[in-house]
Protein backbone atom coordinates (compact mmCIF):
# COMPACT_ATOMS: atom_id res chain seq x y z
CA MET A 1 2.11 72.24 81.08
CA SER A 2 -0.22 73.55 83.79
CA ALA A 3 -2.42 71.31 85.81
CA PRO A 4 -5.76 72.60 84.47
CA ARG A 5 -4.74 71.95 80.84
CA THR A 6 -3.61 68.43 81.72
CA LEU A 7 -6.94 67.53 83.30
CA THR A 8 -8.80 68.93 80.33
CA SER A 9 -6.81 66.79 77.92
CA LEU A 10 -7.34 63.63 79.95
CA ALA A 11 -11.08 64.26 80.11
CA ALA A 12 -11.29 64.72 76.37
CA LEU A 13 -9.38 61.46 75.81
CA ALA A 14 -11.72 59.54 78.08
CA LEU A 15 -14.79 60.85 76.30
CA GLY A 16 -13.36 59.86 72.91
CA SER A 17 -12.65 56.29 74.08
CA ALA A 18 -16.19 55.95 75.37
CA ALA A 19 -17.63 57.14 72.09
CA LEU A 20 -15.53 54.66 70.20
CA VAL A 21 -16.72 51.83 72.42
CA GLY A 22 -20.40 52.76 71.91
CA CYS A 23 -20.09 52.87 68.16
CA ALA A 24 -18.41 49.42 67.89
CA GLY A 25 -21.59 47.51 69.00
CA PRO A 26 -21.79 44.44 71.19
CA SER A 27 -19.35 41.64 70.62
CA PRO A 28 -20.69 38.18 69.81
CA ALA A 29 -19.72 36.92 73.23
CA SER A 30 -21.51 39.75 75.08
CA SER A 31 -24.75 39.37 73.03
CA GLY A 32 -25.04 35.72 73.88
CA ALA A 33 -25.35 34.72 70.19
CA THR A 34 -23.57 31.51 69.27
CA ALA A 35 -22.17 31.24 65.78
CA SER A 36 -23.17 27.93 64.32
CA ALA A 37 -20.56 26.01 62.37
CA PRO A 38 -21.39 25.47 58.69
CA ALA A 39 -23.15 22.15 58.05
CA ALA A 40 -20.81 19.41 56.99
CA GLU A 41 -21.05 18.47 53.31
CA PRO A 42 -22.53 14.95 52.86
CA ALA A 43 -19.92 12.41 51.95
CA ALA A 44 -19.99 11.53 48.32
CA ALA A 45 -21.20 8.02 47.63
CA PRO A 46 -18.40 5.77 46.51
CA THR A 47 -18.43 5.16 42.78
CA SER A 48 -18.16 1.53 41.72
CA VAL A 49 -15.67 1.17 38.94
CA THR A 50 -15.80 -2.05 36.96
CA GLN A 51 -12.55 -2.94 35.38
CA PRO A 52 -12.92 -4.20 31.83
CA THR A 53 -12.43 -7.94 31.68
CA ALA A 54 -10.88 -9.91 28.91
CA LYS A 55 -13.38 -11.03 26.26
CA GLN A 56 -14.53 -14.58 26.92
CA PRO A 57 -14.34 -17.05 24.06
CA ALA A 58 -17.61 -18.22 22.55
CA ALA A 59 -19.01 -21.39 24.06
CA LYS A 60 -18.41 -24.46 22.01
CA HIS A 61 -21.49 -26.52 21.44
CA SER A 62 -21.09 -30.24 21.53
CA PRO A 63 -22.35 -31.91 18.39
CA THR A 64 -25.69 -33.55 18.82
CA ALA A 65 -26.50 -36.95 17.80
CA HIS A 66 -28.30 -37.20 14.54
CA PRO A 67 -30.57 -40.00 13.21
CA SER A 68 -29.26 -42.47 10.67
CA PRO A 69 -28.58 -40.85 7.31
CA ALA A 70 -30.76 -41.36 4.28
CA LYS A 71 -30.46 -44.71 2.61
CA GLY A 72 -27.47 -44.93 0.33
CA GLY A 73 -25.64 -42.11 2.11
CA SER A 74 -22.74 -42.13 4.53
CA SER A 75 -23.12 -44.25 7.64
CA GLN A 76 -22.52 -43.34 11.26
CA ALA A 77 -19.14 -45.07 11.10
CA GLY A 78 -18.01 -42.64 8.39
CA ILE A 79 -17.97 -45.45 5.81
CA ALA A 80 -20.56 -45.67 3.05
CA TYR A 81 -23.24 -48.30 3.40
CA CYS A 82 -22.87 -51.41 1.28
CA ARG A 83 -24.80 -51.21 -1.96
CA ALA A 84 -26.62 -54.21 -3.35
CA SER A 85 -24.16 -54.33 -6.25
CA GLN A 86 -21.28 -54.76 -3.78
CA LEU A 87 -22.72 -57.83 -2.07
CA THR A 88 -23.16 -61.50 -2.79
CA VAL A 89 -25.95 -62.88 -0.59
CA THR A 90 -26.72 -66.55 0.00
CA ALA A 91 -29.22 -68.39 2.22
CA THR A 92 -28.23 -71.84 3.44
CA PRO A 93 -30.38 -74.20 5.56
CA VAL A 94 -28.51 -75.69 8.53
CA THR A 95 -29.18 -78.77 10.62
CA ARG A 96 -27.97 -77.32 13.93
CA PRO A 97 -29.88 -75.67 15.31
CA GLU A 98 -32.92 -77.19 13.65
CA ASN A 99 -35.20 -75.12 11.43
CA HIS A 100 -32.64 -72.38 10.94
CA LEU A 101 -31.29 -70.58 7.92
CA LEU A 102 -27.87 -68.94 7.64
CA ILE A 103 -27.71 -65.78 5.54
CA THR A 104 -24.29 -64.69 4.30
CA ALA A 105 -23.58 -61.26 2.81
CA ARG A 106 -20.08 -61.02 1.31
CA ASN A 107 -18.37 -57.88 0.05
CA LYS A 108 -17.36 -58.69 -3.51
CA SER A 109 -16.16 -55.18 -4.33
CA GLY A 110 -12.67 -53.82 -3.90
CA LYS A 111 -13.80 -51.20 -1.39
CA ARG A 112 -14.81 -51.62 2.23
CA CYS A 113 -18.41 -50.80 3.15
CA ASN A 114 -20.77 -50.71 6.11
CA LEU A 115 -23.30 -53.51 6.28
CA GLY A 116 -25.11 -51.81 9.16
CA ILE A 117 -26.62 -53.55 12.18
CA ILE A 118 -29.33 -55.76 10.69
CA GLY A 119 -30.69 -56.87 7.33
CA LEU A 120 -34.47 -57.14 7.20
CA VAL A 121 -35.68 -60.43 5.74
CA THR A 122 -38.99 -61.02 3.94
CA PHE A 123 -40.06 -64.43 2.64
CA ASP A 124 -42.20 -64.89 -0.44
CA GLY A 125 -44.27 -68.03 -0.81
CA MET A 126 -47.60 -69.79 -0.65
CA ASN A 127 -49.75 -69.99 2.45
CA GLY A 128 -50.21 -73.59 3.49
CA LYS A 129 -53.91 -73.16 4.36
CA SER A 130 -55.30 -70.65 1.89
CA GLY A 131 -53.04 -71.54 -1.02
CA LYS A 132 -52.52 -67.85 -1.71
CA ASN A 133 -49.19 -66.21 -2.31
CA GLU A 134 -48.06 -64.05 0.60
CA LYS A 135 -45.08 -62.23 2.03
CA VAL A 136 -43.86 -62.98 5.55
CA ARG A 137 -41.54 -60.56 7.31
CA ALA A 138 -39.09 -62.12 9.76
CA GLU A 139 -39.35 -60.53 13.19
CA ALA A 140 -36.37 -58.38 14.19
CA PRO A 141 -35.21 -58.21 17.81
CA GLY A 142 -35.99 -55.06 19.78
CA GLY A 143 -33.42 -52.81 21.44
CA LEU A 144 -30.69 -53.36 18.89
CA GLY A 145 -27.31 -52.05 20.02
CA GLY A 146 -23.65 -52.31 19.19
CA GLY A 147 -21.68 -50.95 16.31
CA PRO A 148 -22.12 -51.47 12.59
CA THR A 149 -20.58 -54.37 10.66
CA ILE A 150 -17.72 -53.12 8.48
CA LEU A 151 -16.81 -55.37 5.58
CA GLU A 152 -13.38 -55.22 4.06
CA PRO A 153 -13.13 -56.59 0.50
CA GLY A 154 -13.83 -60.32 0.65
CA TRP A 155 -15.23 -60.22 4.19
CA ALA A 156 -18.75 -61.37 5.09
CA GLY A 157 -21.45 -60.71 7.64
CA TYR A 158 -23.84 -63.41 8.88
CA GLU A 159 -27.45 -63.53 10.07
CA GLY A 160 -29.35 -66.44 11.54
CA VAL A 161 -33.05 -66.93 10.82
CA ALA A 162 -35.25 -69.09 13.03
CA LEU A 163 -37.79 -70.47 10.55
CA ASP A 164 -40.47 -72.16 12.62
CA ARG A 165 -41.95 -71.13 15.92
CA GLN A 166 -43.93 -74.07 17.16
CA ASP A 167 -46.43 -72.11 19.24
CA ALA A 168 -47.31 -69.62 16.46
CA PRO A 169 -50.88 -69.73 15.13
CA GLY A 170 -51.67 -70.88 11.61
CA ASP A 171 -49.99 -73.33 9.27
CA GLY A 172 -47.09 -71.22 8.01
CA THR A 173 -45.89 -70.58 4.47
CA GLN A 174 -43.88 -72.59 1.98
CA ALA A 175 -41.33 -69.98 0.88
CA THR A 176 -39.69 -70.05 -2.54
CA ALA A 177 -37.66 -66.86 -2.19
CA LEU A 178 -36.51 -64.31 0.32
CA ALA A 179 -35.38 -60.70 0.09
CA VAL A 180 -32.73 -59.09 2.29
CA GLU A 181 -33.05 -55.33 2.67
CA THR A 182 -29.79 -53.71 3.77
CA GLU A 183 -29.45 -50.43 5.64
CA GLY A 184 -27.96 -48.92 2.51
CA GLY A 185 -31.34 -49.30 0.84
CA GLY A 186 -30.47 -52.24 -1.39
CA VAL A 187 -32.72 -55.30 -1.73
CA ILE A 188 -31.17 -58.63 -2.68
CA LYS A 189 -33.45 -61.55 -3.61
CA VAL A 190 -32.36 -65.13 -2.99
CA PRO A 191 -34.17 -68.37 -4.00
CA VAL A 192 -34.97 -70.76 -1.14
CA ALA A 193 -37.15 -73.79 -0.48
CA VAL A 194 -38.07 -73.65 3.20
CA HIS A 195 -41.16 -73.70 5.36
CA VAL A 196 -41.54 -70.59 7.53
CA HIS A 197 -43.86 -70.16 10.47
CA SER A 198 -43.45 -66.84 12.34
CA PRO A 199 -39.72 -66.49 11.48
CA ALA A 200 -37.25 -64.28 13.36
CA VAL A 201 -33.89 -62.85 12.27
CA THR A 202 -30.75 -61.92 14.23
CA PRO A 203 -28.49 -58.88 13.71
CA TRP A 204 -25.38 -59.20 11.53
CA ARG A 205 -22.60 -61.15 13.20
CA ASP A 206 -18.94 -61.71 12.39
CA SER A 207 -19.15 -65.49 12.22
CA PRO A 208 -21.73 -68.20 11.38
CA ALA A 209 -21.44 -69.62 14.89
CA ASP A 210 -22.33 -66.27 16.48
CA ALA A 211 -25.25 -65.73 14.12
CA LEU A 212 -26.75 -69.15 14.84
CA ALA A 213 -26.17 -68.90 18.59
CA ASP A 214 -28.54 -65.95 19.03
């Protein structure tokens, strides 16, 4: 190849390279533009997962205390109250202590029963001043506690009655009868011949000595 042809070919090659460079455009580095990295995706909030728990048993409610049942029904001890037909009731004056009466309620049936806590006593007689017939309720003690008196067949409960309170006003009553009202709703009448002046009765006791000691 001759020298002039060689120079011509080299010149043409140089011109073609320059044209290619011009058409490619500026590179990112030469233009000074900085490619920004894509924004980071926000982290997903953690999801709270509640594991199913075993089903809890229903709460058990404690039984509440109920008032005494209706008269003649079942007692709090789970034993039926004594009916009037099951009892033999007597009223006996005693000398010690003075001016006291001993009430005895005996289970004459063949089935045990609940005499309760106290038998309410009402005297029937004539007022010493007015001469009129009147009823006198023996005062019962307040704040009664303790359990009921359960009578097996043949067993008895006892109450003491203080007949005469010396500092009470009035002249008192000459009683000819008394009535004992049991917690079972029965009323038993007993003849007596005693003078009562603001009387007071004790709860049922297991022995005469305990009843008269109150």
